[in-house]
Amino acid sequence: TTSSGISWGGAPSPRLGGGKAQRRAGALRKKAFVAKFEKYCVDLVLNGHEHLYERSEKGGVVYVTVGSGSGPRKKSFPFNSASKKLYTGDNTCMLVEVVGTTLTFKAINKAGAVVDEGSIVK
C-alpha cells in the first residue's frame, strides 16, 4: 500500500515447467497460479530464468519475464501470440517505480537502450 492508500498486488512467480517430464505438471501449476493471480487482483507478476525479456497480459494481470540478466538465450525462441513484447538480445534489467496510482516499468539492455516500457494505472 502506498502513502496515498492505494494497494498494489504483485507476485514473484516460481519457475513453472522445466524438462520434458515436468512440462505437463508445469502447465497444471501455471493454470492454478494464473487463477489465483486473477482472483486476488494481482497487478504484476515477475518471472525469471528464461534468458529473455517477455511481457504479456491475461485477465488484467501483466506478466513480465526478466530473465536475461545472466546472458541472452542461446537458442531461438518462438514468438508467442500472447506476447506484447519479446526481446532475446543481450542482458536486460527492469526498473519499476510506483507513484500514487501509477506503476511504471522500463526494461533496459546493457547498452542503456529501453527495450520495453509501460505503465499500470489503478
C-alpha atoms as a PDB file:
ATOM      1  CA  THR A   1       0.000   0.000   0.000  1.00  0.00           C
ATOM      2  CA  THR A   2       1.381   3.407  -0.966  1.00  0.00           C
ATOM      3  CA  SER A   3       1.261   6.512   1.225  1.00  0.00           C
ATOM      4  CA  SER A   4      -1.826   7.578  -0.749  1.00  0.00           C
ATOM      5  CA  GLY A   5      -3.653   4.419   0.397  1.00  0.00           C
ATOM      6  CA  ILE A   6      -3.538   2.667  -2.994  1.00  0.00           C
ATOM      7  CA  SER A   7      -2.979  -1.081  -2.678  1.00  0.00           C
ATOM      8  CA  TRP A   8      -0.851  -2.819  -5.322  1.00  0.00           C
ATOM      9  CA  GLY A   9      -0.734  -6.580  -5.815  1.00  0.00           C
ATOM     10  CA  GLY A  10       2.468  -8.141  -7.057  1.00  0.00           C
ATOM     11  CA  ALA A  11       3.847 -11.652  -7.089  1.00  0.00           C
ATOM     12  CA  PRO A  12       7.141 -13.316  -7.883  1.00  0.00           C
ATOM     13  CA  SER A  13       6.344 -16.435  -9.843  1.00  0.00           C
ATOM     14  CA  PRO A  14       8.124 -19.748  -9.345  1.00  0.00           C
ATOM     15  CA  ARG A  15       9.634 -21.428 -12.363  1.00  0.00           C
ATOM     16  CA  LEU A  16       6.650 -23.133 -13.947  1.00  0.00           C
ATOM     17  CA  GLY A  17       7.890 -26.013 -16.020  1.00  0.00           C
ATOM     18  CA  GLY A  18      11.264 -27.402 -16.950  1.00  0.00           C
ATOM     19  CA  GLY A  19      12.306 -30.605 -18.694  1.00  0.00           C
ATOM     20  CA  LYS A  20      10.063 -32.891 -20.725  1.00  0.00           C
ATOM     21  CA  ALA A  21       8.840 -34.784 -17.663  1.00  0.00           C
ATOM     22  CA  GLN A  22       7.858 -31.548 -15.941  1.00  0.00           C
ATOM     23  CA  ARG A  23       6.041 -29.842 -18.832  1.00  0.00           C
ATOM     24  CA  ARG A  24       2.593 -31.273 -18.080  1.00  0.00           C
ATOM     25  CA  ALA A  25       2.949 -30.664 -14.335  1.00  0.00           C
ATOM     26  CA  GLY A  26       4.252 -27.164 -15.102  1.00  0.00           C
ATOM     27  CA  ALA A  27       1.212 -26.418 -17.260  1.00  0.00           C
ATOM     28  CA  LEU A  28      -1.106 -27.515 -14.448  1.00  0.00           C
ATOM     29  CA  ARG A  29       0.767 -25.402 -11.875  1.00  0.00           C
ATOM     30  CA  LYS A  30       0.697 -22.425 -14.228  1.00  0.00           C
ATOM     31  CA  LYS A  31      -3.070 -22.723 -14.666  1.00  0.00           C
ATOM     32  CA  ALA A  32      -3.548 -22.837 -10.875  1.00  0.00           C
ATOM     33  CA  PHE A  33      -1.300 -19.808 -10.308  1.00  0.00           C
ATOM     34  CA  VAL A  34      -2.982 -17.754 -13.045  1.00  0.00           C
ATOM     35  CA  ALA A  35      -6.394 -18.371 -11.464  1.00  0.00           C
ATOM     36  CA  LYS A  36      -5.086 -17.194  -8.069  1.00  0.00           C
ATOM     37  CA  PHE A  37      -3.391 -14.124  -9.567  1.00  0.00           C
ATOM     38  CA  GLU A  38      -6.689 -13.092 -11.145  1.00  0.00           C
ATOM     39  CA  LYS A  39      -8.754 -13.961  -8.046  1.00  0.00           C
ATOM     40  CA  TYR A  40      -6.569 -11.890  -5.721  1.00  0.00           C
ATOM     41  CA  CYS A  41      -6.249  -8.934  -8.139  1.00  0.00           C
ATOM     42  CA  VAL A  42      -2.509  -9.218  -8.695  1.00  0.00           C
ATOM     43  CA  ASP A  43      -1.359  -6.357 -10.921  1.00  0.00           C
ATOM     44  CA  LEU A  44       2.124  -7.542 -11.912  1.00  0.00           C
ATOM     45  CA  VAL A  45       3.813 -10.958 -11.925  1.00  0.00           C
ATOM     46  CA  LEU A  46       7.601 -11.094 -12.295  1.00  0.00           C
ATOM     47  CA  ASN A  47       9.356 -14.199 -13.604  1.00  0.00           C
ATOM     48  CA  GLY A  48      12.947 -15.044 -14.375  1.00  0.00           C
ATOM     49  CA  HIS A  49      15.185 -17.858 -15.621  1.00  0.00           C
ATOM     50  CA  GLU A  50      14.255 -17.969 -19.326  1.00  0.00           C
ATOM     51  CA  HIS A  51      17.212 -15.885 -20.637  1.00  0.00           C
ATOM     52  CA  LEU A  52      14.946 -13.426 -22.421  1.00  0.00           C
ATOM     53  CA  TYR A  53      12.619 -10.499 -21.765  1.00  0.00           C
ATOM     54  CA  GLU A  54       8.925 -11.007 -22.423  1.00  0.00           C
ATOM     55  CA  ARG A  55       5.766  -9.117 -21.454  1.00  0.00           C
ATOM     56  CA  SER A  56       2.221 -10.417 -21.829  1.00  0.00           C
ATOM     57  CA  GLU A  57      -1.171  -9.769 -20.296  1.00  0.00           C
ATOM     58  CA  LYS A  58      -4.034 -12.055 -19.343  1.00  0.00           C
ATOM     59  CA  GLY A  59      -7.122 -11.374 -17.278  1.00  0.00           C
ATOM     60  CA  GLY A  60      -5.941  -7.898 -16.314  1.00  0.00           C
ATOM     61  CA  VAL A  61      -2.621  -9.211 -14.949  1.00  0.00           C
ATOM     62  CA  VAL A  62       0.665  -8.080 -16.529  1.00  0.00           C
ATOM     63  CA  TYR A  63       3.271 -10.870 -16.718  1.00  0.00           C
ATOM     64  CA  VAL A  64       6.915  -9.939 -17.208  1.00  0.00           C
ATOM     65  CA  THR A  65       9.832 -12.324 -17.566  1.00  0.00           C
ATOM     66  CA  VAL A  66      13.140 -10.572 -16.964  1.00  0.00           C
ATOM     67  CA  GLY A  67      15.467 -13.498 -17.228  1.00  0.00           C
ATOM     68  CA  SER A  68      18.332 -12.291 -19.387  1.00  0.00           C
ATOM     69  CA  GLY A  69      20.482 -10.878 -16.591  1.00  0.00           C
ATOM     70  CA  SER A  70      22.911 -13.768 -16.942  1.00  0.00           C
ATOM     71  CA  GLY A  71      23.035 -13.503 -20.718  1.00  0.00           C
ATOM     72  CA  PRO A  72      20.923 -13.879 -23.835  1.00  0.00           C
ATOM     73  CA  ARG A  73      19.189 -17.087 -24.851  1.00  0.00           C
ATOM     74  CA  LYS A  74      21.460 -19.335 -26.910  1.00  0.00           C
ATOM     75  CA  LYS A  75      18.634 -20.934 -28.931  1.00  0.00           C
ATOM     76  CA  SER A  76      15.881 -19.199 -30.868  1.00  0.00           C
ATOM     77  CA  PHE A  77      12.622 -18.615 -29.042  1.00  0.00           C
ATOM     78  CA  PRO A  78       9.261 -18.653 -30.861  1.00  0.00           C
ATOM     79  CA  PHE A  79       7.153 -15.531 -30.526  1.00  0.00           C
ATOM     80  CA  ASN A  80       4.026 -16.320 -28.527  1.00  0.00           C
ATOM     81  CA  SER A  81       0.918 -14.599 -29.883  1.00  0.00           C
ATOM     82  CA  ALA A  82       0.048 -13.570 -26.300  1.00  0.00           C
ATOM     83  CA  SER A  83       3.328 -11.648 -26.039  1.00  0.00           C
ATOM     84  CA  LYS A  84       3.114  -7.873 -26.163  1.00  0.00           C
ATOM     85  CA  LYS A  85       6.915  -7.645 -26.299  1.00  0.00           C
ATOM     86  CA  LEU A  86       9.695 -10.200 -26.766  1.00  0.00           C
ATOM     87  CA  TYR A  87      13.398  -9.342 -26.607  1.00  0.00           C
ATOM     88  CA  THR A  88      16.066 -12.010 -26.965  1.00  0.00           C
ATOM     89  CA  GLY A  89      19.076  -9.740 -27.419  1.00  0.00           C
ATOM     90  CA  ASP A  90      21.634  -9.044 -24.741  1.00  0.00           C
ATOM     91  CA  ASN A  91      21.267  -8.656 -20.963  1.00  0.00           C
ATOM     92  CA  THR A  92      18.343  -6.668 -19.560  1.00  0.00           C
ATOM     93  CA  CYS A  93      17.287  -5.252 -16.236  1.00  0.00           C
ATOM     94  CA  MET A  94      13.959  -3.782 -15.188  1.00  0.00           C
ATOM     95  CA  LEU A  95      13.228  -0.585 -13.305  1.00  0.00           C
ATOM     96  CA  VAL A  96       9.870  -0.323 -11.532  1.00  0.00           C
ATOM     97  CA  GLU A  97       8.502   2.802  -9.896  1.00  0.00           C
ATOM     98  CA  VAL A  98       5.200   3.374  -8.105  1.00  0.00           C
ATOM     99  CA  VAL A  99       3.936   6.920  -7.683  1.00  0.00           C
ATOM    100  CA  GLY A 100       0.420   7.210  -6.299  1.00  0.00           C
ATOM    101  CA  THR A 101      -1.931   5.385  -8.647  1.00  0.00           C
ATOM    102  CA  THR A 102       0.631   4.670 -11.386  1.00  0.00           C
ATOM    103  CA  LEU A 103       3.187   1.861 -11.623  1.00  0.00           C
ATOM    104  CA  THR A 104       5.699   2.381 -14.442  1.00  0.00           C
ATOM    105  CA  PHE A 105       8.326  -0.041 -15.677  1.00  0.00           C
ATOM    106  CA  LYS A 106      11.217   0.040 -18.135  1.00  0.00           C
ATOM    107  CA  ALA A 107      13.302  -2.843 -19.436  1.00  0.00           C
ATOM    108  CA  ILE A 108      16.791  -1.635 -20.320  1.00  0.00           C
ATOM    109  CA  ASN A 109      19.523  -3.544 -22.153  1.00  0.00           C
ATOM    110  CA  LYS A 110      23.222  -3.384 -21.252  1.00  0.00           C
ATOM    111  CA  ALA A 111      23.808  -0.632 -23.830  1.00  0.00           C
ATOM    112  CA  GLY A 112      21.298   1.529 -21.936  1.00  0.00           C
ATOM    113  CA  ALA A 113      18.548   1.355 -24.576  1.00  0.00           C
ATOM    114  CA  VAL A 114      14.944   0.963 -23.424  1.00  0.00           C
ATOM    115  CA  VAL A 115      13.630  -2.257 -24.999  1.00  0.00           C
ATOM    116  CA  ASP A 116      10.183  -2.037 -23.425  1.00  0.00           C
ATOM    117  CA  GLU A 117       8.228   0.253 -21.146  1.00  0.00           C
ATOM    118  CA  GLY A 118       4.736   0.612 -19.869  1.00  0.00           C
ATOM    119  CA  SER A 119       2.509   1.544 -17.007  1.00  0.00           C
ATOM    120  CA  ILE A 120      -0.354   0.222 -14.963  1.00  0.00           C
ATOM    121  CA  VAL A 121      -2.831   2.761 -13.610  1.00  0.00           C
ATOM    122  CA  LYS A 122      -5.258   1.983 -10.778  1.00  0.00           C
END
